Amino acid sequence: MILELSNPSVCMKDPDRVQEVLQSMVKAGSNTLQVISDFDMTLTRFEFNGKRCPTCHNILDNSILISADCKQKLKGLLDTYYPIEIDSSRSVEEKLPLMVEWWTKAHELLVEQKIRKDRLSVAVRESDAMLREGYQLFFDHLHQHSIPLLIFSAGIGDILEEVIRQAGVFHPNVNVFSNYMDFDESGVLTAFKGELIHIYNKREGALLNTGHFQELRTRPNVLLMGDSLGDLNMADGVQDMENILKVGFLNDKVEERKQSYLDAYDIVLIKDETLEVPNALLHYLTGSQ
């Protein structure tokens, strides 16, 4: 049905189920669809020309807004906690307190830097952040068809929004749930707002924002996109869900993680730096050939 599903990067455990879900969604119509996506390494690239691309946190970590000492400390945190995050032999329960520890320590370090709000756009502009190839089509297509895009991110909302804004695709149908900075009246970072959103509590983020999901009651069909197993809970706030199609980007440590991704996601995209498959799915679901 969809040519792109035969791309070499595509793996599916149950292709028949994928076809069934897609047909059911097409039948329901694109006005019943919403897209729920992670941001870092899902909507953004994992690497470019063999070099890792930055996450929202990395954009700040690598910027001139951060002292050399702070950069060193943030790198130490990354080297300690990232291997834990992607360790498939550890349970989520085991990882959870460690992830909270990581994000909390990182945020405390950033607050100490007295970052100015008006400098964030410069940090993004000078960074190597890149949305995945095909992003323009993806964001524009959703906007043209009035399909809501909900982005749940453990990153930094202010940076994330700036990346989308500078790419020229921050349309009104885009809603972001993330960690936002709190600035004082002179525009200096003093804290992070509200509850910490990290890789394993996006479910709570989804449930806390059920008010937002209420508006989407008429959209019980979900296309979900993520790059970690923690992203699978992002749609938990959707009530009376009819169909969900889960697309997972497997960017790193492919062999050891492939089976767990195939068991969890309907479509797994292996080392695919494009949005070609999500775009093809959307074109199919909106009947635009």
C-alpha atoms as a PDB file:
ATOM      1  CA  MET A   1       0.000   0.000   0.000  1.00  0.00           C
ATOM      2  CA  ILE A   2       2.760   2.426   0.967  1.00  0.00           C
ATOM      3  CA  LEU A   3       5.939   2.052  -1.072  1.00  0.00           C
ATOM      4  CA  GLU A   4       8.149   3.596   1.615  1.00  0.00           C
ATOM      5  CA  LEU A   5       7.337   0.733   3.999  1.00  0.00           C
ATOM      6  CA  SER A   6       9.617  -1.420   1.846  1.00  0.00           C
ATOM      7  CA  ASN A   7      12.587   0.948   2.428  1.00  0.00           C
ATOM      8  CA  PRO A   8      15.677  -0.921   3.695  1.00  0.00           C
ATOM      9  CA  SER A   9      15.539   1.019   6.999  1.00  0.00           C
ATOM     10  CA  VAL A  10      12.028  -0.281   7.806  1.00  0.00           C
ATOM     11  CA  CYS A  11      11.427  -3.279  10.078  1.00  0.00           C
ATOM     12  CA  MET A  12       7.998  -4.555  11.130  1.00  0.00           C
ATOM     13  CA  LYS A  13       7.194  -7.482  13.371  1.00  0.00           C
ATOM     14  CA  ASP A  14       3.605  -7.707  12.085  1.00  0.00           C
ATOM     15  CA  PRO A  15       3.112  -5.967   8.713  1.00  0.00           C
ATOM     16  CA  ASP A  16      -0.475  -7.242   8.467  1.00  0.00           C
ATOM     17  CA  ARG A  17      -1.404  -5.449  11.690  1.00  0.00           C
ATOM     18  CA  VAL A  18       0.174  -2.251  10.381  1.00  0.00           C
ATOM     19  CA  GLN A  19      -1.981  -2.482   7.228  1.00  0.00           C
ATOM     20  CA  GLU A  20      -5.103  -3.152   9.298  1.00  0.00           C
ATOM     21  CA  VAL A  21      -4.527  -0.154  11.563  1.00  0.00           C
ATOM     22  CA  LEU A  22      -3.775   2.097   8.596  1.00  0.00           C
ATOM     23  CA  GLN A  23      -6.934   1.001   6.775  1.00  0.00           C
ATOM     24  CA  SER A  24      -9.018   1.568   9.884  1.00  0.00           C
ATOM     25  CA  MET A  25      -7.542   5.064  10.301  1.00  0.00           C
ATOM     26  CA  VAL A  26      -8.119   5.949   6.653  1.00  0.00           C
ATOM     27  CA  LYS A  27     -11.735   4.880   7.004  1.00  0.00           C
ATOM     28  CA  ALA A  28     -12.188   7.112  10.055  1.00  0.00           C
ATOM     29  CA  GLY A  29     -10.835  10.130   8.155  1.00  0.00           C
ATOM     30  CA  SER A  30      -7.936  12.493   8.780  1.00  0.00           C
ATOM     31  CA  ASN A  31     -10.128  14.761  10.938  1.00  0.00           C
ATOM     32  CA  THR A  32      -9.965  12.012  13.606  1.00  0.00           C
ATOM     33  CA  LEU A  33      -6.146  11.949  13.612  1.00  0.00           C
ATOM     34  CA  GLN A  34      -3.592  13.488  15.967  1.00  0.00           C
ATOM     35  CA  VAL A  35       0.182  13.077  15.951  1.00  0.00           C
ATOM     36  CA  ILE A  36       2.061  12.685  19.243  1.00  0.00           C
ATOM     37  CA  SER A  37       5.835  12.838  18.993  1.00  0.00           C
ATOM     38  CA  ASP A  38       9.022  13.027  20.978  1.00  0.00           C
ATOM     39  CA  PHE A  39      11.484  15.729  19.863  1.00  0.00           C
ATOM     40  CA  ASP A  40      15.200  15.001  20.394  1.00  0.00           C
ATOM     41  CA  MET A  41      16.408  12.271  18.014  1.00  0.00           C
ATOM     42  CA  THR A  42      12.852  11.750  16.752  1.00  0.00           C
ATOM     43  CA  LEU A  43      12.011  14.997  14.973  1.00  0.00           C
ATOM     44  CA  THR A  44      15.683  15.988  15.066  1.00  0.00           C
ATOM     45  CA  ARG A  45      18.553  14.082  13.490  1.00  0.00           C
ATOM     46  CA  PHE A  46      20.688  11.686  15.496  1.00  0.00           C
ATOM     47  CA  GLU A  47      23.771  12.314  13.390  1.00  0.00           C
ATOM     48  CA  PHE A  48      24.934  14.108  10.283  1.00  0.00           C
ATOM     49  CA  ASN A  49      28.057  13.213   8.269  1.00  0.00           C
ATOM     50  CA  GLY A  50      29.114  10.778  10.977  1.00  0.00           C
ATOM     51  CA  LYS A  51      28.885  13.384  13.751  1.00  0.00           C
ATOM     52  CA  ARG A  52      26.312  13.289  16.569  1.00  0.00           C
ATOM     53  CA  CYS A  53      23.712  16.059  16.429  1.00  0.00           C
ATOM     54  CA  PRO A  54      22.850  17.911  19.638  1.00  0.00           C
ATOM     55  CA  THR A  55      19.759  17.459  21.808  1.00  0.00           C
ATOM     56  CA  CYS A  56      18.067  20.534  23.317  1.00  0.00           C
ATOM     57  CA  HIS A  57      20.257  20.177  26.402  1.00  0.00           C
ATOM     58  CA  ASN A  58      23.400  19.739  24.262  1.00  0.00           C
ATOM     59  CA  ILE A  59      22.621  22.972  22.372  1.00  0.00           C
ATOM     60  CA  LEU A  60      23.014  24.827  25.651  1.00  0.00           C
ATOM     61  CA  ASP A  61      25.872  22.631  26.890  1.00  0.00           C
ATOM     62  CA  ASN A  62      27.917  23.394  23.773  1.00  0.00           C
ATOM     63  CA  SER A  63      27.067  27.100  23.617  1.00  0.00           C
ATOM     64  CA  ILE A  64      28.975  30.214  24.642  1.00  0.00           C
ATOM     65  CA  LEU A  65      26.341  30.752  27.356  1.00  0.00           C
ATOM     66  CA  ILE A  66      27.981  28.048  29.492  1.00  0.00           C
ATOM     67  CA  SER A  67      31.373  28.245  31.224  1.00  0.00           C
ATOM     68  CA  ALA A  68      34.114  25.682  30.479  1.00  0.00           C
ATOM     69  CA  ASP A  69      33.806  24.331  34.025  1.00  0.00           C
ATOM     70  CA  CYS A  70      30.055  23.832  33.657  1.00  0.00           C
ATOM     71  CA  LYS A  71      30.545  22.130  30.267  1.00  0.00           C
ATOM     72  CA  GLN A  72      32.952  19.705  31.885  1.00  0.00           C
ATOM     73  CA  LYS A  73      30.481  18.879  34.666  1.00  0.00           C
ATOM     74  CA  LEU A  74      27.587  18.410  32.201  1.00  0.00           C
ATOM     75  CA  LYS A  75      29.739  16.083  30.101  1.00  0.00           C
ATOM     76  CA  GLY A  76      30.561  14.107  33.241  1.00  0.00           C
ATOM     77  CA  LEU A  77      26.821  13.686  33.887  1.00  0.00           C
ATOM     78  CA  LEU A  78      26.232  12.575  30.288  1.00  0.00           C
ATOM     79  CA  ASP A  79      29.055  10.020  30.438  1.00  0.00           C
ATOM     80  CA  THR A  80      27.653   8.654  33.699  1.00  0.00           C
ATOM     81  CA  TYR A  81      23.942   8.543  32.961  1.00  0.00           C
ATOM     82  CA  TYR A  82      23.501   8.088  29.174  1.00  0.00           C
ATOM     83  CA  PRO A  83      24.861   4.502  29.231  1.00  0.00           C
ATOM     84  CA  ILE A  84      22.289   3.765  31.968  1.00  0.00           C
ATOM     85  CA  GLU A  85      19.478   5.308  29.885  1.00  0.00           C
ATOM     86  CA  ILE A  86      20.129   3.010  26.926  1.00  0.00           C
ATOM     87  CA  ASP A  87      21.109  -0.107  28.915  1.00  0.00           C
ATOM     88  CA  SER A  88      18.552  -2.704  27.839  1.00  0.00           C
ATOM     89  CA  SER A  89      19.494  -5.023  30.712  1.00  0.00           C
ATOM     90  CA  ARG A  90      18.152  -2.581  33.343  1.00  0.00           C
ATOM     91  CA  SER A  91      14.477  -2.175  34.160  1.00  0.00           C
ATOM     92  CA  VAL A  92      12.656   1.164  33.914  1.00  0.00           C
ATOM     93  CA  GLU A  93      12.110   1.032  37.693  1.00  0.00           C
ATOM     94  CA  GLU A  94      15.851   0.797  38.190  1.00  0.00           C
ATOM     95  CA  LYS A  95      16.611   3.611  35.736  1.00  0.00           C
ATOM     96  CA  LEU A  96      13.916   5.988  36.936  1.00  0.00           C
ATOM     97  CA  PRO A  97      15.564   7.541  40.037  1.00  0.00           C
ATOM     98  CA  LEU A  98      18.859   7.785  38.160  1.00  0.00           C
ATOM     99  CA  MET A  99      17.262   9.677  35.264  1.00  0.00           C
ATOM    100  CA  VAL A 100      15.620  12.117  37.703  1.00  0.00           C
ATOM    101  CA  GLU A 101      19.016  12.562  39.357  1.00  0.00           C
ATOM    102  CA  TRP A 102      20.642  13.308  35.989  1.00  0.00           C
ATOM    103  CA  TRP A 103      18.087  15.887  34.829  1.00  0.00           C
ATOM    104  CA  THR A 104      17.927  17.567  38.255  1.00  0.00           C
ATOM    105  CA  LYS A 105      21.704  17.929  38.495  1.00  0.00           C
ATOM    106  CA  ALA A 106      21.917  19.215  34.913  1.00  0.00           C
ATOM    107  CA  HIS A 107      19.193  21.801  35.519  1.00  0.00           C
ATOM    108  CA  GLU A 108      20.883  22.981  38.731  1.00  0.00           C
ATOM    109  CA  LEU A 109      24.130  23.493  36.814  1.00  0.00           C
ATOM    110  CA  LEU A 110      22.336  25.481  34.109  1.00  0.00           C
ATOM    111  CA  VAL A 111      20.595  27.715  36.652  1.00  0.00           C
ATOM    112  CA  GLU A 112      23.996  28.554  38.178  1.00  0.00           C
ATOM    113  CA  GLN A 113      25.072  29.919  34.778  1.00  0.00           C
ATOM    114  CA  LYS A 114      22.570  32.815  34.954  1.00  0.00           C
ATOM    115  CA  ILE A 115      21.613  32.285  31.309  1.00  0.00           C
ATOM    116  CA  ARG A 116      19.913  35.227  29.621  1.00  0.00           C
ATOM    117  CA  LYS A 117      16.659  34.615  27.771  1.00  0.00           C
ATOM    118  CA  ASP A 118      17.622  36.902  24.881  1.00  0.00           C
ATOM    119  CA  ARG A 119      20.710  34.762  24.178  1.00  0.00           C
ATOM    120  CA  LEU A 120      18.865  31.491  23.576  1.00  0.00           C
ATOM    121  CA  SER A 121      18.125  32.224  19.920  1.00  0.00           C
ATOM    122  CA  VAL A 122      21.861  32.804  19.304  1.00  0.00           C
ATOM    123  CA  ALA A 123      22.748  29.484  20.979  1.00  0.00           C
ATOM    124  CA  VAL A 124      20.284  27.680  18.677  1.00  0.00           C
ATOM    125  CA  ARG A 125      21.427  29.536  15.564  1.00  0.00           C
ATOM    126  CA  GLU A 126      25.072  28.698  16.214  1.00  0.00           C
ATOM    127  CA  SER A 127      24.405  25.047  17.070  1.00  0.00           C
ATOM    128  CA  ASP A 128      24.481  21.961  14.850  1.00  0.00           C
ATOM    129  CA  ALA A 129      20.835  21.132  15.627  1.00  0.00           C
ATOM    130  CA  MET A 130      19.001  19.769  12.614  1.00  0.00           C
ATOM    131  CA  LEU A 131      15.446  18.609  12.134  1.00  0.00           C
ATOM    132  CA  ARG A 132      15.239  15.386  10.145  1.00  0.00           C
ATOM    133  CA  GLU A 133      15.228  15.572   6.372  1.00  0.00           C
ATOM    134  CA  GLY A 134      11.651  16.066   5.164  1.00  0.00           C
ATOM    135  CA  TYR A 135      10.659  18.143   8.219  1.00  0.00           C
ATOM    136  CA  GLN A 136       9.194  20.985   6.133  1.00  0.00           C
ATOM    137  CA  LEU A 137       6.783  18.611   4.413  1.00  0.00           C
ATOM    138  CA  PHE A 138       5.923  16.955   7.742  1.00  0.00           C
ATOM    139  CA  PHE A 139       5.076  20.140   9.665  1.00  0.00           C
ATOM    140  CA  ASP A 140       3.420  21.881   6.708  1.00  0.00           C
ATOM    141  CA  HIS A 141       1.284  18.869   5.819  1.00  0.00           C
ATOM    142  CA  LEU A 142      -0.046  18.559   9.374  1.00  0.00           C
ATOM    143  CA  HIS A 143      -0.779  22.280   9.428  1.00  0.00           C
ATOM    144  CA  GLN A 144      -2.543  22.257   6.053  1.00  0.00           C
ATOM    145  CA  HIS A 145      -4.791  19.399   7.187  1.00  0.00           C
ATOM    146  CA  SER A 146      -5.377  20.949  10.661  1.00  0.00           C
ATOM    147  CA  ILE A 147      -3.970  17.842  12.365  1.00  0.00           C
ATOM    148  CA  PRO A 148      -2.718  18.601  15.904  1.00  0.00           C
ATOM    149  CA  LEU A 149       0.938  17.805  16.624  1.00  0.00           C
ATOM    150  CA  LEU A 150       1.678  17.277  20.315  1.00  0.00           C
ATOM    151  CA  ILE A 151       5.366  17.189  21.180  1.00  0.00           C
ATOM    152  CA  PHE A 152       6.367  15.639  24.514  1.00  0.00           C
ATOM    153  CA  SER A 153       9.991  16.288  25.320  1.00  0.00           C
ATOM    154  CA  ALA A 154      12.340  15.700  28.238  1.00  0.00           C
ATOM    155  CA  GLY A 155      14.446  18.454  26.692  1.00  0.00           C
ATOM    156  CA  ILE A 156      14.170  22.203  27.248  1.00  0.00           C
ATOM    157  CA  GLY A 157      10.973  23.680  25.845  1.00  0.00           C
ATOM    158  CA  ASP A 158      12.419  27.153  25.234  1.00  0.00           C
ATOM    159  CA  ILE A 159      15.229  25.686  23.096  1.00  0.00           C
ATOM    160  CA  LEU A 160      12.951  23.204  21.335  1.00  0.00           C
ATOM    161  CA  GLU A 161      10.505  25.948  20.318  1.00  0.00           C
ATOM    162  CA  GLU A 162      13.387  28.079  19.061  1.00  0.00           C
ATOM    163  CA  VAL A 163      14.646  25.208  16.848  1.00  0.00           C
ATOM    164  CA  ILE A 164      11.196  24.845  15.268  1.00  0.00           C
ATOM    165  CA  ARG A 165      10.750  28.607  14.992  1.00  0.00           C
ATOM    166  CA  GLN A 166      14.097  29.089  13.243  1.00  0.00           C
ATOM    167  CA  ALA A 167      13.200  26.282  10.828  1.00  0.00           C
ATOM    168  CA  GLY A 168      10.050  28.268   9.976  1.00  0.00           C
ATOM    169  CA  VAL A 169       7.593  25.507  10.903  1.00  0.00           C
ATOM    170  CA  PHE A 170       6.187  26.525  14.291  1.00  0.00           C
ATOM    171  CA  HIS A 171       2.584  26.447  13.105  1.00  0.00           C
ATOM    172  CA  PRO A 172      -0.468  27.040  15.353  1.00  0.00           C
ATOM    173  CA  ASN A 173      -1.337  23.309  15.400  1.00  0.00           C
ATOM    174  CA  VAL A 174       1.895  22.527  17.309  1.00  0.00           C
ATOM    175  CA  ASN A 175       1.685  22.107  21.105  1.00  0.00           C
ATOM    176  CA  VAL A 176       4.761  21.452  23.238  1.00  0.00           C
ATOM    177  CA  PHE A 177       4.950  19.782  26.671  1.00  0.00           C
ATOM    178  CA  SER A 178       8.477  20.063  28.013  1.00  0.00           C
ATOM    179  CA  ASN A 179      10.727  21.549  30.693  1.00  0.00           C
ATOM    180  CA  TYR A 180      10.461  25.324  30.520  1.00  0.00           C
ATOM    181  CA  MET A 181      12.852  27.844  31.997  1.00  0.00           C
ATOM    182  CA  ASP A 182      11.769  30.459  34.509  1.00  0.00           C
ATOM    183  CA  PHE A 183      13.366  33.878  34.077  1.00  0.00           C
ATOM    184  CA  ASP A 184      13.334  36.818  36.460  1.00  0.00           C
ATOM    185  CA  GLU A 185      12.165  40.298  35.392  1.00  0.00           C
ATOM    186  CA  SER A 186      15.591  41.089  33.949  1.00  0.00           C
ATOM    187  CA  GLY A 187      15.485  37.948  31.765  1.00  0.00           C
ATOM    188  CA  VAL A 188      17.936  35.797  33.745  1.00  0.00           C
ATOM    189  CA  LEU A 189      17.321  32.069  34.310  1.00  0.00           C
ATOM    190  CA  THR A 190      16.440  31.398  37.960  1.00  0.00           C
ATOM    191  CA  ALA A 191      14.792  27.953  37.854  1.00  0.00           C
ATOM    192  CA  PHE A 192      12.857  25.446  35.760  1.00  0.00           C
ATOM    193  CA  LYS A 193       9.053  25.548  35.924  1.00  0.00           C
ATOM    194  CA  GLY A 194       6.782  22.872  37.347  1.00  0.00           C
ATOM    195  CA  GLU A 195       7.319  19.138  37.465  1.00  0.00           C
ATOM    196  CA  LEU A 196      10.388  17.694  35.783  1.00  0.00           C
ATOM    197  CA  ILE A 197       9.583  15.874  32.534  1.00  0.00           C
ATOM    198  CA  HIS A 198      12.130  13.139  31.872  1.00  0.00           C
ATOM    199  CA  ILE A 199      12.361  10.202  29.530  1.00  0.00           C
ATOM    200  CA  TYR A 200      10.319   7.834  31.701  1.00  0.00           C
ATOM    201  CA  ASN A 201       7.477  10.005  32.998  1.00  0.00           C
ATOM    202  CA  LYS A 202       5.987  11.238  29.766  1.00  0.00           C
ATOM    203  CA  ARG A 203       2.997   9.123  30.725  1.00  0.00           C
ATOM    204  CA  GLU A 204       2.412  11.358  33.742  1.00  0.00           C
ATOM    205  CA  GLY A 205       2.957  14.393  31.525  1.00  0.00           C
ATOM    206  CA  ALA A 206       0.281  13.027  29.224  1.00  0.00           C
ATOM    207  CA  LEU A 207      -2.109  12.339  32.088  1.00  0.00           C
ATOM    208  CA  LEU A 208      -1.487  15.723  33.722  1.00  0.00           C
ATOM    209  CA  ASN A 209      -2.416  17.378  30.461  1.00  0.00           C
ATOM    210  CA  THR A 210      -5.663  15.497  29.986  1.00  0.00           C
ATOM    211  CA  GLY A 211      -7.394  18.887  29.850  1.00  0.00           C
ATOM    212  CA  HIS A 212      -5.545  19.462  26.634  1.00  0.00           C
ATOM    213  CA  PHE A 213      -6.424  16.006  25.393  1.00  0.00           C
ATOM    214  CA  GLN A 214     -10.097  16.788  26.152  1.00  0.00           C
ATOM    215  CA  GLU A 215     -10.108  19.176  23.203  1.00  0.00           C
ATOM    216  CA  LEU A 216      -8.912  16.265  21.106  1.00  0.00           C
ATOM    217  CA  ARG A 217     -11.726  13.885  22.122  1.00  0.00           C
ATOM    218  CA  THR A 218     -12.877  13.890  18.505  1.00  0.00           C
ATOM    219  CA  ARG A 219      -9.448  12.615  17.439  1.00  0.00           C
ATOM    220  CA  PRO A 220      -9.232   9.026  18.729  1.00  0.00           C
ATOM    221  CA  ASN A 221      -6.658   7.937  16.130  1.00  0.00           C
ATOM    222  CA  VAL A 222      -3.010   8.487  16.987  1.00  0.00           C
ATOM    223  CA  LEU A 223       0.227   8.354  15.044  1.00  0.00           C
ATOM    224  CA  LEU A 224       2.909   8.137  17.745  1.00  0.00           C
ATOM    225  CA  MET A 225       6.609   8.744  17.057  1.00  0.00           C
ATOM    226  CA  GLY A 226       9.505   8.218  19.447  1.00  0.00           C
ATOM    227  CA  ASP A 227      13.074   6.987  19.737  1.00  0.00           C
ATOM    228  CA  SER A 228      13.014   5.373  23.180  1.00  0.00           C
ATOM    229  CA  LEU A 229      10.825   2.830  24.935  1.00  0.00           C
ATOM    230  CA  GLY A 230       9.889   5.596  27.391  1.00  0.00           C
ATOM    231  CA  ASP A 231       8.100   7.394  24.532  1.00  0.00           C
ATOM    232  CA  LEU A 232       5.495   4.657  24.224  1.00  0.00           C
ATOM    233  CA  ASN A 233       3.426   6.161  27.063  1.00  0.00           C
ATOM    234  CA  MET A 234       3.038   9.619  25.534  1.00  0.00           C
ATOM    235  CA  ALA A 235      -0.482   8.853  24.337  1.00  0.00           C
ATOM    236  CA  ASP A 236      -1.741   7.634  27.708  1.00  0.00           C
ATOM    237  CA  GLY A 237      -3.841  10.778  28.154  1.00  0.00           C
ATOM    238  CA  VAL A 238      -5.871  10.046  25.021  1.00  0.00           C
ATOM    239  CA  GLN A 239      -9.331   8.877  26.058  1.00  0.00           C
ATOM    240  CA  ASP A 240     -11.427   6.437  24.044  1.00  0.00           C
ATOM    241  CA  MET A 241      -8.534   5.742  21.695  1.00  0.00           C
ATOM    242  CA  GLU A 242      -9.551   3.748  18.634  1.00  0.00           C
ATOM    243  CA  ASN A 243      -6.281   3.161  16.808  1.00  0.00           C
ATOM    244  CA  ILE A 244      -2.649   3.898  17.495  1.00  0.00           C
ATOM    245  CA  LEU A 245       0.236   3.344  15.093  1.00  0.00           C
ATOM    246  CA  LYS A 246       3.640   3.510  16.770  1.00  0.00           C
ATOM    247  CA  VAL A 247       6.721   4.487  14.762  1.00  0.00           C
ATOM    248  CA  GLY A 248      10.081   4.091  16.524  1.00  0.00           C
ATOM    249  CA  PHE A 249      13.451   5.472  15.434  1.00  0.00           C
ATOM    250  CA  LEU A 250      16.249   3.110  16.442  1.00  0.00           C
ATOM    251  CA  ASN A 251      19.304   5.336  16.163  1.00  0.00           C
ATOM    252  CA  ASP A 252      21.955   3.683  18.276  1.00  0.00           C
ATOM    253  CA  LYS A 253      23.069   0.280  19.656  1.00  0.00           C
ATOM    254  CA  VAL A 254      20.922  -1.360  16.994  1.00  0.00           C
ATOM    255  CA  GLU A 255      21.697  -5.048  17.473  1.00  0.00           C
ATOM    256  CA  GLU A 256      21.159  -5.169  21.216  1.00  0.00           C
ATOM    257  CA  ARG A 257      17.984  -3.081  21.147  1.00  0.00           C
ATOM    258  CA  LYS A 258      16.337  -4.177  17.902  1.00  0.00           C
ATOM    259  CA  GLN A 259      14.160  -6.945  19.359  1.00  0.00           C
ATOM    260  CA  SER A 260      12.779  -4.805  22.183  1.00  0.00           C
ATOM    261  CA  TYR A 261      11.894  -2.074  19.664  1.00  0.00           C
ATOM    262  CA  LEU A 262      10.218  -4.544  17.304  1.00  0.00           C
ATOM    263  CA  ASP A 263       8.162  -5.863  20.237  1.00  0.00           C
ATOM    264  CA  ALA A 264       7.099  -2.354  21.250  1.00  0.00           C
ATOM    265  CA  TYR A 265       6.747  -0.326  18.035  1.00  0.00           C
ATOM    266  CA  ASP A 266       4.657  -1.237  14.966  1.00  0.00           C
ATOM    267  CA  ILE A 267       7.226   0.234  12.586  1.00  0.00           C
ATOM    268  CA  VAL A 268      10.916   0.496  13.495  1.00  0.00           C
ATOM    269  CA  LEU A 269      13.162   2.776  11.442  1.00  0.00           C
ATOM    270  CA  ILE A 270      16.784   1.732  11.726  1.00  0.00           C
ATOM    271  CA  LYS A 271      19.406   4.467  11.406  1.00  0.00           C
ATOM    272  CA  ASP A 272      17.007   6.446   9.214  1.00  0.00           C
ATOM    273  CA  GLU A 273      17.747  10.182   9.442  1.00  0.00           C
ATOM    274  CA  THR A 274      14.665  11.201   7.446  1.00  0.00           C
ATOM    275  CA  LEU A 275      10.936  11.664   7.984  1.00  0.00           C
ATOM    276  CA  GLU A 276      10.273   9.888   4.692  1.00  0.00           C
ATOM    277  CA  VAL A 277       8.219   7.088   6.257  1.00  0.00           C
ATOM    278  CA  PRO A 278       6.134   9.312   8.596  1.00  0.00           C
ATOM    279  CA  ASN A 279       5.488  11.638   5.627  1.00  0.00           C
ATOM    280  CA  ALA A 280       4.356   8.707   3.477  1.00  0.00           C
ATOM    281  CA  LEU A 281       2.056   7.510   6.285  1.00  0.00           C
ATOM    282  CA  LEU A 282       0.545  10.989   6.635  1.00  0.00           C
ATOM    283  CA  HIS A 283       0.014  11.286   2.895  1.00  0.00           C
ATOM    284  CA  TYR A 284      -1.764   7.959   2.924  1.00  0.00           C
ATOM    285  CA  LEU A 285      -3.872   8.864   5.980  1.00  0.00           C
ATOM    286  CA  THR A 286      -4.929  12.221   4.535  1.00  0.00           C
ATOM    287  CA  GLY A 287      -5.603  10.788   1.100  1.00  0.00           C
ATOM    288  CA  SER A 288      -3.107  13.139  -0.563  1.00  0.00           C
ATOM    289  CA  GLN A 289      -1.288  11.087  -3.135  1.00  0.00           C
END
